[in-house]
N, C-alpha and C. Protein backbone atom coordinates (compact mmCIF):
# COMPACT_ATOMS: atom_id res chain seq x y z
N MET A 1 -35.42 -30.15 34.54
CA MET A 1 -35.37 -31.56 34.99
C MET A 1 -34.49 -32.51 34.17
N GLN A 2 -34.05 -33.66 34.54
CA GLN A 2 -33.44 -34.71 33.79
C GLN A 2 -34.27 -35.60 33.50
N ILE A 3 -33.93 -36.28 32.25
CA ILE A 3 -34.39 -37.48 31.72
C ILE A 3 -33.34 -38.34 31.13
N THR A 4 -33.41 -39.59 31.19
CA THR A 4 -32.71 -40.49 30.24
C THR A 4 -33.35 -40.39 28.67
N PHE A 5 -32.38 -40.16 27.41
CA PHE A 5 -32.64 -40.70 26.14
C PHE A 5 -31.79 -41.55 25.42
N LYS A 6 -32.40 -42.39 24.81
CA LYS A 6 -31.89 -43.63 24.66
C LYS A 6 -32.28 -43.66 23.09
N LEU A 7 -31.46 -43.84 22.15
CA LEU A 7 -31.63 -44.18 20.81
C LEU A 7 -30.96 -45.46 20.15
N PHE A 8 -31.93 -46.26 19.60
CA PHE A 8 -30.98 -47.78 19.15
C PHE A 8 -30.67 -47.67 17.58
N ALA A 9 -29.67 -48.85 17.54
CA ALA A 9 -29.42 -48.98 16.19
C ALA A 9 -29.03 -47.95 15.46
N SER A 10 -29.40 -47.87 14.08
CA SER A 10 -29.05 -46.55 13.29
C SER A 10 -29.23 -44.91 13.93
N LEU A 11 -30.16 -45.26 14.88
CA LEU A 11 -31.01 -43.84 15.48
C LEU A 11 -29.74 -43.27 16.47
N THR A 12 -28.80 -43.95 17.00
CA THR A 12 -27.43 -43.74 17.54
C THR A 12 -26.95 -42.39 17.03
N ASP A 13 -26.73 -42.36 15.61
CA ASP A 13 -25.99 -41.39 15.33
C ASP A 13 -26.65 -39.96 15.48
N TYR A 14 -27.94 -39.58 15.76
CA TYR A 14 -28.45 -38.61 16.18
C TYR A 14 -28.22 -37.85 17.58
N LEU A 15 -27.88 -38.47 18.43
CA LEU A 15 -27.33 -38.25 19.72
C LEU A 15 -26.07 -37.57 19.59
N PRO A 16 -26.35 -36.37 20.88
CA PRO A 16 -25.05 -35.31 20.61
C PRO A 16 -23.52 -35.97 21.21
N PRO A 17 -22.47 -35.31 20.66
CA PRO A 17 -21.47 -36.04 20.84
C PRO A 17 -20.96 -36.38 22.29
N GLU A 18 -22.08 -35.86 23.64
CA GLU A 18 -21.43 -35.98 24.84
C GLU A 18 -22.01 -37.45 25.14
N ARG A 19 -22.86 -38.21 24.61
CA ARG A 19 -23.36 -39.49 24.70
C ARG A 19 -22.44 -40.45 25.26
N LYS A 20 -22.90 -41.72 25.96
CA LYS A 20 -22.36 -42.73 26.59
C LYS A 20 -22.62 -43.98 25.82
N GLY A 21 -22.51 -44.19 24.35
CA GLY A 21 -22.83 -45.20 23.79
C GLY A 21 -24.11 -44.73 23.46
N ASN A 22 -25.56 -45.48 23.51
CA ASN A 22 -26.47 -44.96 22.82
C ASN A 22 -27.47 -44.22 23.71
N VAL A 23 -26.68 -43.33 24.88
CA VAL A 23 -27.55 -42.97 26.03
C VAL A 23 -26.84 -41.56 26.23
N VAL A 24 -27.95 -40.97 26.84
CA VAL A 24 -27.34 -39.12 27.00
C VAL A 24 -28.49 -38.77 28.20
N VAL A 25 -28.15 -38.23 29.27
CA VAL A 25 -28.77 -37.80 30.15
C VAL A 25 -29.05 -36.05 29.63
N LEU A 26 -30.23 -35.54 29.81
CA LEU A 26 -30.79 -34.51 29.17
C LEU A 26 -31.47 -33.56 30.33
N GLU A 27 -30.94 -32.44 30.07
CA GLU A 27 -31.79 -31.25 30.97
C GLU A 27 -32.98 -30.77 30.25
N ILE A 28 -33.97 -30.96 30.51
CA ILE A 28 -35.16 -30.27 29.63
C ILE A 28 -35.91 -29.55 30.48
N THR A 29 -36.82 -28.73 29.93
CA THR A 29 -37.75 -28.12 30.57
C THR A 29 -39.25 -28.94 30.90
N PRO A 30 -40.02 -28.52 31.92
CA PRO A 30 -41.19 -29.28 32.36
C PRO A 30 -42.14 -29.51 31.14
N GLU A 31 -42.24 -28.72 30.19
CA GLU A 31 -43.16 -28.87 29.22
C GLU A 31 -42.87 -29.45 27.96
N THR A 32 -41.65 -30.18 28.13
CA THR A 32 -41.19 -30.82 26.75
C THR A 32 -42.13 -32.05 26.58
N THR A 33 -42.39 -32.38 25.34
CA THR A 33 -43.00 -33.60 24.91
C THR A 33 -42.14 -34.59 24.23
N VAL A 34 -42.48 -35.81 24.03
CA VAL A 34 -41.57 -36.61 23.30
C VAL A 34 -41.53 -36.11 21.82
N ALA A 35 -42.52 -35.68 21.02
CA ALA A 35 -42.29 -35.24 19.78
C ALA A 35 -41.29 -33.88 19.81
N ASP A 36 -41.36 -33.14 20.76
CA ASP A 36 -40.03 -32.13 20.76
C ASP A 36 -38.60 -32.85 20.90
N LEU A 37 -38.26 -33.66 21.59
CA LEU A 37 -37.07 -34.42 21.54
C LEU A 37 -36.97 -35.00 20.08
N ILE A 38 -38.01 -35.50 19.68
CA ILE A 38 -37.53 -36.31 18.22
C ILE A 38 -37.07 -35.13 17.12
N GLN A 39 -38.18 -33.97 17.29
CA GLN A 39 -37.51 -33.12 16.42
C GLN A 39 -36.21 -32.24 16.54
N ARG A 40 -36.17 -31.82 17.98
CA ARG A 40 -34.66 -31.58 18.38
C ARG A 40 -33.37 -32.11 17.95
N TYR A 41 -33.44 -33.42 18.25
CA TYR A 41 -32.31 -34.39 17.39
C TYR A 41 -32.43 -34.82 16.43
N ASN A 42 -33.62 -34.21 15.53
CA ASN A 42 -33.63 -34.32 13.92
C ASN A 42 -33.70 -35.95 13.81
N VAL A 43 -34.36 -36.70 14.55
CA VAL A 43 -35.02 -37.86 14.61
C VAL A 43 -35.76 -38.20 13.36
N PRO A 44 -35.63 -38.56 12.30
CA PRO A 44 -36.96 -38.62 11.17
C PRO A 44 -38.00 -39.31 11.50
N GLU A 45 -39.13 -38.81 11.85
CA GLU A 45 -40.37 -39.31 12.50
C GLU A 45 -40.61 -40.72 12.20
N ARG A 46 -40.16 -40.89 10.54
CA ARG A 46 -40.66 -42.45 9.84
C ARG A 46 -39.82 -43.25 10.42
N SER A 47 -38.59 -43.06 11.26
CA SER A 47 -37.70 -44.02 11.88
C SER A 47 -38.15 -44.14 13.37
N ALA A 48 -38.68 -43.29 14.08
CA ALA A 48 -39.00 -43.39 15.12
C ALA A 48 -40.23 -44.31 15.59
N HIS A 49 -39.94 -45.67 15.29
CA HIS A 49 -41.18 -46.76 15.09
C HIS A 49 -41.43 -46.93 16.55
N LEU A 50 -40.56 -47.33 17.49
CA LEU A 50 -40.96 -47.76 18.56
C LEU A 50 -40.62 -46.87 19.83
N VAL A 51 -41.46 -46.44 20.49
CA VAL A 51 -41.44 -45.16 21.65
C VAL A 51 -41.97 -45.63 22.63
N LEU A 52 -40.74 -45.71 23.75
CA LEU A 52 -41.20 -46.53 25.17
C LEU A 52 -40.99 -45.28 25.89
N ILE A 53 -41.84 -44.98 27.11
CA ILE A 53 -41.23 -44.02 28.36
C ILE A 53 -41.41 -45.00 29.43
N ASN A 54 -40.18 -45.20 30.04
CA ASN A 54 -40.13 -46.04 30.95
C ASN A 54 -40.92 -47.42 30.59
N GLY A 55 -40.59 -48.16 29.54
CA GLY A 55 -40.99 -49.16 28.95
C GLY A 55 -42.36 -49.22 28.56
N LEU A 56 -43.27 -48.43 28.70
CA LEU A 56 -44.37 -48.26 28.20
C LEU A 56 -44.54 -47.48 26.74
N PHE A 57 -45.08 -48.42 26.02
CA PHE A 57 -45.53 -47.68 24.50
C PHE A 57 -46.34 -46.33 24.47
N VAL A 58 -45.77 -45.54 23.57
CA VAL A 58 -46.30 -44.43 23.15
C VAL A 58 -46.64 -44.20 21.61
N PRO A 59 -47.66 -44.34 21.36
CA PRO A 59 -48.58 -44.62 20.24
C PRO A 59 -47.98 -43.28 19.59
N PRO A 60 -47.97 -43.04 18.21
CA PRO A 60 -47.58 -42.11 17.27
C PRO A 60 -48.47 -40.74 17.46
N GLY A 61 -49.65 -41.29 17.83
CA GLY A 61 -51.09 -40.17 17.74
C GLY A 61 -50.75 -38.99 18.98
N GLU A 62 -50.06 -39.47 20.48
CA GLU A 62 -49.64 -39.05 21.44
C GLU A 62 -48.32 -38.48 21.40
N ARG A 63 -47.33 -38.54 20.86
CA ARG A 63 -46.12 -38.09 20.98
C ARG A 63 -46.15 -36.45 20.98
N ALA A 64 -47.17 -36.22 20.39
CA ALA A 64 -47.06 -34.39 20.58
C ALA A 64 -47.35 -34.09 21.66
N SER A 65 -48.44 -34.78 22.41
CA SER A 65 -48.80 -34.39 23.58
C SER A 65 -48.73 -35.03 24.69
N ARG A 66 -47.55 -35.96 24.77
CA ARG A 66 -47.15 -36.53 26.06
C ARG A 66 -45.86 -35.79 26.26
N VAL A 67 -46.29 -35.36 27.67
CA VAL A 67 -45.22 -34.47 28.50
C VAL A 67 -44.37 -35.51 29.15
N LEU A 68 -43.00 -35.28 29.30
CA LEU A 68 -42.06 -35.95 29.81
C LEU A 68 -41.89 -35.56 31.04
N ALA A 69 -41.62 -36.45 32.09
CA ALA A 69 -41.32 -36.20 33.69
C ALA A 69 -39.96 -36.04 34.16
N GLU A 70 -39.61 -35.61 35.33
CA GLU A 70 -38.31 -35.92 35.90
C GLU A 70 -38.02 -37.13 36.09
N GLY A 71 -36.98 -37.76 35.75
CA GLY A 71 -36.47 -39.21 35.82
C GLY A 71 -37.01 -40.17 34.85
N ASP A 72 -37.71 -39.56 33.92
CA ASP A 72 -38.36 -40.47 32.81
C ASP A 72 -37.21 -40.99 31.84
N GLU A 73 -37.25 -42.47 31.30
CA GLU A 73 -36.35 -42.60 30.37
C GLU A 73 -37.06 -43.02 29.05
N LEU A 74 -36.51 -41.77 28.15
CA LEU A 74 -37.46 -41.83 26.64
C LEU A 74 -36.35 -42.99 25.96
N ALA A 75 -36.92 -44.11 24.86
CA ALA A 75 -36.17 -45.07 24.43
C ALA A 75 -36.87 -45.25 22.91
N ILE A 76 -36.30 -45.10 21.84
CA ILE A 76 -36.79 -45.05 20.29
C ILE A 76 -35.79 -45.90 19.60
N TRP A 77 -36.58 -46.81 18.89
CA TRP A 77 -35.67 -47.62 18.05
C TRP A 77 -36.48 -47.38 16.66
N PRO A 78 -35.72 -47.54 15.81
CA PRO A 78 -36.00 -47.49 14.29
C PRO A 78 -36.98 -48.81 13.95
N PRO A 79 -37.20 -48.82 12.78
CA PRO A 79 -38.25 -49.99 12.13
C PRO A 79 -36.95 -51.09 12.07
N ILE A 80 -37.17 -52.22 12.16
CA ILE A 80 -36.18 -53.60 11.93
C ILE A 80 -36.84 -54.48 11.17
N ALA A 81 -36.05 -54.77 10.09
CA ALA A 81 -36.11 -55.60 9.30
C ALA A 81 -35.11 -57.07 9.41
N GLY A 82 -35.76 -57.94 9.09
CA GLY A 82 -34.88 -59.25 9.13
C GLY A 82 -35.78 -60.64 8.59
N GLY A 83 -34.99 -61.67 8.52
CA GLY A 83 -35.76 -62.55 8.27
C GLY A 83 -35.25 -63.75 8.73
């Protein structure tokens, strides 16, 4: 099944070379979780600050059990500092 995987800001470098900007369409198995993809692409867990599936927040405690579905869009932002 396919999902869209988006990484923002400094996390973009963790996407594979075939990405288009900060987006890649991935083929995944039906039991793939959010945590599986974070680990597969070596995104540091402390840097996966804001995680959304289809625009809905996924808390850190649910990432290991939240299974992705066909057509989902997984977006991850790092912590942002500013002033």
